[in-house]
C-alpha atoms as a PDB file:
ATOM      1  CA  MET A   1       3.954   2.277   2.492  1.00  0.00           C
ATOM      2  CA  ARG A   2      -0.289   2.763   1.712  1.00  0.00           C
ATOM      3  CA  ALA A   3      -0.776   3.697   5.464  1.00  0.00           C
ATOM      4  CA  ARG A   4       1.743   6.954   5.150  1.00  0.00           C
ATOM      5  CA  ILE A   5      -0.534   7.574   1.709  1.00  0.00           C
ATOM      6  CA  ALA A   6      -3.605   7.525   3.542  1.00  0.00           C
ATOM      7  CA  ILE A   7      -1.581  10.552   6.368  1.00  0.00           C
ATOM      8  CA  ALA A   8       0.397  12.389   3.602  1.00  0.00           C
ATOM      9  CA  TYR A   9      -3.272  12.777   1.670  1.00  0.00           C
ATOM     10  CA  ALA A  10      -5.527  13.865   4.990  1.00  0.00           C
ATOM     11  CA  MET A  11      -2.855  15.689   5.907  1.00  0.00           C
ATOM     12  CA  ILE A  12      -3.101  14.569   9.161  1.00  0.00           C
ATOM     13  CA  ASN A  13       1.316  15.787  10.733  1.00  0.00           C
ATOM     14  CA  TYR A  14       2.489  12.323  13.022  1.00  0.00           C
ATOM     15  CA  GLU A  15       6.246  11.119  14.462  1.00  0.00           C
ATOM     16  CA  HIS A  16       7.552   9.020  12.524  1.00  0.00           C
ATOM     17  CA  ARG A  17       9.967   6.186  13.780  1.00  0.00           C
ATOM     18  CA  GLU A  18      11.757   4.231  11.163  1.00  0.00           C
ATOM     19  CA  ILE A  19      13.319   0.805  12.429  1.00  0.00           C
ATOM     20  CA  LEU A  20      14.431  -2.213  10.199  1.00  0.00           C
ATOM     21  CA  LEU A  21      12.396  -5.372  10.771  1.00  0.00           C
ATOM     22  CA  LYS A  22      15.674  -7.465  11.299  1.00  0.00           C
ATOM     23  CA  ASN A  23      16.306  -5.192  14.405  1.00  0.00           C
ATOM     24  CA  ARG A  24      13.077  -4.517  15.772  1.00  0.00           C
ATOM     25  CA  PRO A  25      13.599  -2.366  18.798  1.00  0.00           C
ATOM     26  CA  ASP A  26      11.628  -3.730  22.262  1.00  0.00           C
ATOM     27  CA  SER A  27       9.497  -0.697  22.092  1.00  0.00           C
ATOM     28  CA  LEU A  28       7.991  -1.578  19.346  1.00  0.00           C
ATOM     29  CA  TYR A  29       6.906  -4.997  20.615  1.00  0.00           C
ATOM     30  CA  ARG A  30       5.824  -3.268  23.898  1.00  0.00           C
ATOM     31  CA  ILE A  31       3.075  -1.038  22.017  1.00  0.00           C
ATOM     32  CA  SER A  32       1.970  -3.603  19.563  1.00  0.00           C
ATOM     33  CA  ALA A  33       2.596  -7.888  20.102  1.00  0.00           C
ATOM     34  CA  LYS A  34       2.774  -8.376  17.014  1.00  0.00           C
ATOM     35  CA  GLY A  35       5.943  -6.677  15.888  1.00  0.00           C
ATOM     36  CA  THR A  36       4.688  -5.696  12.335  1.00  0.00           C
ATOM     37  CA  VAL A  37       4.310  -2.233  10.527  1.00  0.00           C
ATOM     38  CA  PRO A  38       2.837   0.316  10.386  1.00  0.00           C
ATOM     39  CA  VAL A  39       1.579   0.635  13.525  1.00  0.00           C
ATOM     40  CA  LEU A  40       0.361   3.892  14.644  1.00  0.00           C
ATOM     41  CA  LYS A  41       0.141   5.293  18.745  1.00  0.00           C
ATOM     42  CA  LEU A  42      -2.685   7.897  18.833  1.00  0.00           C
ATOM     43  CA  GLU A  43      -2.759  10.831  20.932  1.00  0.00           C
ATOM     44  CA  ASP A  44      -4.983   8.534  23.654  1.00  0.00           C
ATOM     45  CA  ASP A  45      -2.813   6.168  23.138  1.00  0.00           C
ATOM     46  CA  LYS A  46      -4.837   3.796  21.131  1.00  0.00           C
ATOM     47  CA  ILE A  47      -2.939   1.788  19.174  1.00  0.00           C
ATOM     48  CA  LEU A  48      -3.848   0.712  15.427  1.00  0.00           C
ATOM     49  CA  ASP A  49      -1.204  -1.669  13.478  1.00  0.00           C
ATOM     50  CA  GLU A  50      -3.059  -2.223  10.591  1.00  0.00           C
ATOM     51  CA  SER A  51      -2.153  -0.352   7.545  1.00  0.00           C
ATOM     52  CA  LEU A  52      -5.847  -0.187   6.009  1.00  0.00           C
ATOM     53  CA  ASP A  53      -6.636   0.396   9.792  1.00  0.00           C
ATOM     54  CA  ILE A  54      -4.729   3.262   9.635  1.00  0.00           C
ATOM     55  CA  MET A  55      -6.285   4.457   5.658  1.00  0.00           C
ATOM     56  CA  LYS A  56      -9.475   4.232   6.666  1.00  0.00           C
ATOM     57  CA  TRP A  57      -8.456   6.454  10.264  1.00  0.00           C
ATOM     58  CA  ALA A  58      -6.643   8.756   7.898  1.00  0.00           C
ATOM     59  CA  ILE A  59      -9.310   9.188   6.096  1.00  0.00           C
ATOM     60  CA  GLN A  60     -12.746   9.888   8.490  1.00  0.00           C
ATOM     61  CA  ILE A  61     -10.376  12.857  10.010  1.00  0.00           C
ATOM     62  CA  ASN A  62      -9.489  13.409   5.978  1.00  0.00           C
ATOM     63  CA  ASP A  63     -11.495  13.336   3.251  1.00  0.00           C
ATOM     64  CA  PRO A  64     -11.512  15.603   1.271  1.00  0.00           C
ATOM     65  CA  ASP A  65     -11.870  13.660  -2.314  1.00  0.00           C
ATOM     66  CA  LYS A  66     -14.477  11.624  -0.961  1.00  0.00           C
ATOM     67  CA  LEU A  67     -12.374   8.283  -1.229  1.00  0.00           C
ATOM     68  CA  TYR A  68     -14.175   6.175   0.905  1.00  0.00           C
ATOM     69  CA  PHE A  69     -18.044   7.594  -0.100  1.00  0.00           C
ATOM     70  CA  LYS A  70     -19.498   5.788  -2.843  1.00  0.00           C
ATOM     71  CA  ASN A  71     -18.853   1.896  -3.571  1.00  0.00           C
ATOM     72  CA  ILE A  72     -17.995   1.148  -0.320  1.00  0.00           C
ATOM     73  CA  LYS A  73     -18.732  -2.936  -0.806  1.00  0.00           C
ATOM     74  CA  LEU A  74     -16.927  -2.917  -3.773  1.00  0.00           C
ATOM     75  CA  GLN A  75     -14.520  -1.411  -2.578  1.00  0.00           C
ATOM     76  CA  ASP A  76     -13.957  -2.931   0.511  1.00  0.00           C
ATOM     77  CA  ASN A  77     -14.125  -6.252  -2.041  1.00  0.00           C
ATOM     78  CA  LEU A  78     -11.735  -5.391  -3.863  1.00  0.00           C
ATOM     79  CA  ILE A  79      -8.950  -4.455  -1.283  1.00  0.00           C
ATOM     80  CA  LEU A  80      -9.510  -7.749   0.613  1.00  0.00           C
ATOM     81  CA  ALA A  81      -9.272  -9.898  -2.408  1.00  0.00           C
ATOM     82  CA  ASN A  82      -6.087  -7.739  -2.882  1.00  0.00           C
ATOM     83  CA  ASP A  83      -4.862  -8.560   0.806  1.00  0.00           C
ATOM     84  CA  GLN A  84      -5.525 -12.481   1.169  1.00  0.00           C
ATOM     85  CA  ILE A  85      -5.489 -13.317  -1.999  1.00  0.00           C
ATOM     86  CA  PHE A  86      -3.411 -10.859  -4.958  1.00  0.00           C
ATOM     87  CA  LYS A  87      -0.794 -10.220  -2.157  1.00  0.00           C
ATOM     88  CA  LYS A  88      -0.094 -14.392  -1.372  1.00  0.00           C
ATOM     89  CA  LYS A  89       0.416 -15.512  -5.088  1.00  0.00           C
ATOM     90  CA  LEU A  90       3.100 -11.835  -5.291  1.00  0.00           C
ATOM     91  CA  ASP A  91       5.005 -12.269  -2.386  1.00  0.00           C
ATOM     92  CA  LYS A  92       5.758 -16.051  -4.145  1.00  0.00           C
ATOM     93  CA  TYR A  93       6.448 -14.409  -7.222  1.00  0.00           C
ATOM     94  CA  LYS A  94       8.495 -12.084  -5.686  1.00  0.00           C
ATOM     95  CA  TYR A  95      10.885 -14.357  -4.232  1.00  0.00           C
ATOM     96  CA  HIS A  96       9.929 -16.967  -6.260  1.00  0.00           C
ATOM     97  CA  THR A  97      13.700 -18.879  -5.519  1.00  0.00           C
ATOM     98  CA  ARG A  98      12.031 -19.313  -2.156  1.00  0.00           C
ATOM     99  CA  PHE A  99       9.244 -20.627  -3.333  1.00  0.00           C
ATOM    100  CA  LYS A 100      10.145 -23.430  -5.975  1.00  0.00           C
ATOM    101  CA  GLU A 101       6.359 -25.574  -6.087  1.00  0.00           C
ATOM    102  CA  LEU A 102       6.080 -24.003  -8.649  1.00  0.00           C
ATOM    103  CA  SER A 103       7.659 -22.186 -11.811  1.00  0.00           C
ATOM    104  CA  TYR A 104       8.336 -18.738 -11.815  1.00  0.00           C
ATOM    105  CA  GLU A 105       6.675 -18.942 -14.883  1.00  0.00           C
ATOM    106  CA  GLU A 106       3.879 -20.403 -12.689  1.00  0.00           C
ATOM    107  CA  HIS A 107       3.829 -17.782  -9.896  1.00  0.00           C
ATOM    108  CA  GLN A 108       3.509 -14.967 -12.426  1.00  0.00           C
ATOM    109  CA  LYS A 109       1.297 -16.257 -13.841  1.00  0.00           C
ATOM    110  CA  ASN A 110      -0.901 -16.586 -11.100  1.00  0.00           C
ATOM    111  CA  VAL A 111      -0.284 -12.965 -11.138  1.00  0.00           C
ATOM    112  CA  TYR A 112      -1.339 -12.141 -14.515  1.00  0.00           C
ATOM    113  CA  ASP A 113      -5.156 -13.410 -13.498  1.00  0.00           C
ATOM    114  CA  ILE A 114      -5.526 -11.272 -11.302  1.00  0.00           C
ATOM    115  CA  LEU A 115      -3.689  -7.840 -12.933  1.00  0.00           C
ATOM    116  CA  ILE A 116      -5.213  -8.955 -16.251  1.00  0.00           C
ATOM    117  CA  VAL A 117      -9.059  -7.892 -14.505  1.00  0.00           C
ATOM    118  CA  HIS A 118      -7.636  -4.775 -13.000  1.00  0.00           C
ATOM    119  CA  ASN A 119      -6.213  -4.213 -16.566  1.00  0.00           C
ATOM    120  CA  LYS A 120      -9.409  -4.781 -18.013  1.00  0.00           C
ATOM    121  CA  THR A 121     -10.986  -2.272 -15.752  1.00  0.00           C
ATOM    122  CA  LEU A 122      -9.167  -0.021 -16.429  1.00  0.00           C
ATOM    123  CA  GLY A 123      -9.326   0.382 -19.883  1.00  0.00           C
ATOM    124  CA  GLU A 124     -13.077   0.807 -19.179  1.00  0.00           C
ATOM    125  CA  GLN A 125     -12.839   3.324 -16.365  1.00  0.00           C
ATOM    126  CA  LYS A 126      -9.976   5.921 -15.249  1.00  0.00           C
ATOM    127  CA  TYR A 127      -9.788   4.044 -11.946  1.00  0.00           C
ATOM    128  CA  LEU A 128     -10.388   0.676 -10.444  1.00  0.00           C
ATOM    129  CA  VAL A 129     -13.954   1.296  -9.009  1.00  0.00           C
ATOM    130  CA  SER A 130     -15.668   4.294 -10.802  1.00  0.00           C
ATOM    131  CA  ASN A 131     -13.766   7.456 -12.853  1.00  0.00           C
ATOM    132  CA  GLN A 132     -13.872   8.766  -9.193  1.00  0.00           C
ATOM    133  CA  ILE A 133     -10.245   7.901  -7.906  1.00  0.00           C
ATOM    134  CA  THR A 134     -11.064   6.261  -4.285  1.00  0.00           C
ATOM    135  CA  LEU A 135      -9.473   4.803  -0.908  1.00  0.00           C
ATOM    136  CA  ALA A 136      -8.742   1.092  -2.935  1.00  0.00           C
ATOM    137  CA  ASP A 137      -6.654   2.606  -5.528  1.00  0.00           C
ATOM    138  CA  LEU A 138      -4.673   3.725  -3.041  1.00  0.00           C
ATOM    139  CA  ALA A 139      -4.478   1.003  -0.924  1.00  0.00           C
ATOM    140  CA  VAL A 140      -3.654  -1.480  -4.057  1.00  0.00           C
ATOM    141  CA  PHE A 141      -1.311   0.471  -5.659  1.00  0.00           C
ATOM    142  CA  PRO A 142       1.822  -0.280  -3.411  1.00  0.00           C
ATOM    143  CA  PHE A 143       1.455  -4.054  -4.450  1.00  0.00           C
ATOM    144  CA  ILE A 144       0.773  -3.625  -8.366  1.00  0.00           C
ATOM    145  CA  ARG A 145       3.850  -1.083  -8.122  1.00  0.00           C
ATOM    146  CA  GLN A 146       6.046  -4.319  -6.245  1.00  0.00           C
ATOM    147  CA  CYS A 147       4.774  -6.369  -8.736  1.00  0.00           C
ATOM    148  CA  ALA A 148       5.118  -4.665 -12.018  1.00  0.00           C
ATOM    149  CA  HIS A 149       9.050  -4.069 -10.675  1.00  0.00           C
ATOM    150  CA  VAL A 150       9.732  -7.815 -10.911  1.00  0.00           C
ATOM    151  CA  ASP A 151      10.046  -7.390 -14.390  1.00  0.00           C
ATOM    152  CA  LEU A 152       8.836  -3.867 -15.567  1.00  0.00           C
ATOM    153  CA  ASN A 153       9.475  -4.652 -19.222  1.00  0.00           C
ATOM    154  CA  TRP A 154       6.325  -8.048 -19.183  1.00  0.00           C
ATOM    155  CA  PHE A 155       3.964  -5.719 -16.875  1.00  0.00           C
ATOM    156  CA  GLN A 156       4.451  -3.175 -19.266  1.00  0.00           C
ATOM    157  CA  ASP A 157       3.613  -5.343 -21.942  1.00  0.00           C
ATOM    158  CA  GLN A 158       0.657  -7.258 -20.602  1.00  0.00           C
ATOM    159  CA  PHE A 159      -1.063  -4.361 -18.499  1.00  0.00           C
ATOM    160  CA  PRO A 160      -1.051  -0.930 -20.854  1.00  0.00           C
ATOM    161  CA  PHE A 161      -3.941   0.476 -18.888  1.00  0.00           C
ATOM    162  CA  LEU A 162      -2.818  -0.901 -15.524  1.00  0.00           C
ATOM    163  CA  GLY A 163       0.663   0.638 -16.172  1.00  0.00           C
ATOM    164  CA  ARG A 164      -0.972   3.581 -17.076  1.00  0.00           C
ATOM    165  CA  TRP A 165      -2.963   3.911 -13.746  1.00  0.00           C
ATOM    166  CA  LEU A 166       0.627   2.765 -11.881  1.00  0.00           C
ATOM    167  CA  GLU A 167       2.574   5.714 -13.594  1.00  0.00           C
ATOM    168  CA  VAL A 168      -0.087   8.442 -12.903  1.00  0.00           C
ATOM    169  CA  PHE A 169       0.147   7.682  -9.073  1.00  0.00           C
ATOM    170  CA  LYS A 170       4.178   7.059  -9.531  1.00  0.00           C
ATOM    171  CA  ASN A 171       4.238  10.039 -10.773  1.00  0.00           C
ATOM    172  CA  SER A 172       1.684  12.133  -8.349  1.00  0.00           C
ATOM    173  CA  ASN A 173       2.749  14.885  -5.704  1.00  0.00           C
ATOM    174  CA  LEU A 174       1.101  12.753  -3.573  1.00  0.00           C
ATOM    175  CA  ILE A 175       3.182   9.645  -3.464  1.00  0.00           C
ATOM    176  CA  LYS A 176       6.554  12.017  -4.293  1.00  0.00           C
ATOM    177  CA  LYS A 177       5.472  13.346  -1.346  1.00  0.00           C
ATOM    178  CA  ILE A 178       5.920  10.033   1.014  1.00  0.00           C
ATOM    179  CA  MET A 179       8.765   8.624  -0.805  1.00  0.00           C
ATOM    180  CA  ILE A 180      11.377   9.716   1.136  1.00  0.00           C
ATOM    181  CA  LYS A 181      13.988   7.460   2.684  1.00  0.00           C
ATOM    182  CA  TYR A 182      13.819   8.375   6.627  1.00  0.00           C
ATOM    183  CA  PRO A 183      17.585   7.348   9.061  1.00  0.00           C
ATOM    184  CA  ILE A 184      17.006   4.659  11.009  1.00  0.00           C
ATOM    185  CA  TRP A 185      15.668   5.072  14.256  1.00  0.00           C
ATOM    186  CA  LEU A 186      17.322   4.140  17.997  1.00  0.00           C
ATOM    187  CA  GLU A 187      15.997   4.132  20.653  1.00  0.00           C
ATOM    188  CA  LYS A 188      17.503   7.196  22.286  1.00  0.00           C
ATOM    189  CA  ASP A 189      16.029   9.462  20.036  1.00  0.00           C
ATOM    190  CA  SER A 190      12.705  11.586  19.469  1.00  0.00           C
ATOM    191  CA  GLY A 191      11.187  10.334  15.920  1.00  0.00           C
ATOM    192  CA  ILE A 192      10.824  12.892  13.367  1.00  0.00           C
ATOM    193  CA  LEU A 193       7.741  14.892  12.461  1.00  0.00           C
ATOM    194  CA  VAL A 194       6.335  14.973   9.282  1.00  0.00           C
ATOM    195  CA  GLU A 195       4.529  17.644   8.582  1.00  0.00           C
ATOM    196  CA  ASN A 196       1.441  16.968   6.174  1.00  0.00           C
ATOM    197  CA  THR A 197      -0.501  20.564   7.030  1.00  0.00           C
END
């Protein structure tokens, strides 16, 4: 999701191929041995198979709001903590029935400890890094969205400032634009041209 957010933000047109992860096409592995999504194949045949790499590539092409211009180290640290720490705790919270070493409440407490820090920050400023939107906001948003929807009432009660931040993004034209459901791509077909310009 976040790769598509950055590509749409940067107003880059691209060919989209929607796949089912439980039925990954052989061509995915030919492009990237990891077999994970997202994968972006550039016109020079370079492959980007990490969502953050795709985000940074996109904003190097076009970054009208200067998302990645100030507080770079703070942004990088926030994204790194999200990707390496919060995402693991989020997965266990979302799929708590698979991770029975802890109770649901304990998994929820683990995400709480991270979310409450974001909530405090957003009680003092408009966005996660400053009063200006940054790449960090766009990179973290999809994971906060996933977490909120495990128990939306609990999330809204516990994190009012973070909840407000989340709603601003969810209702933005940028996010609405990328929330389109695409048909599953078949190997015999071309992809769908997504026009962001």
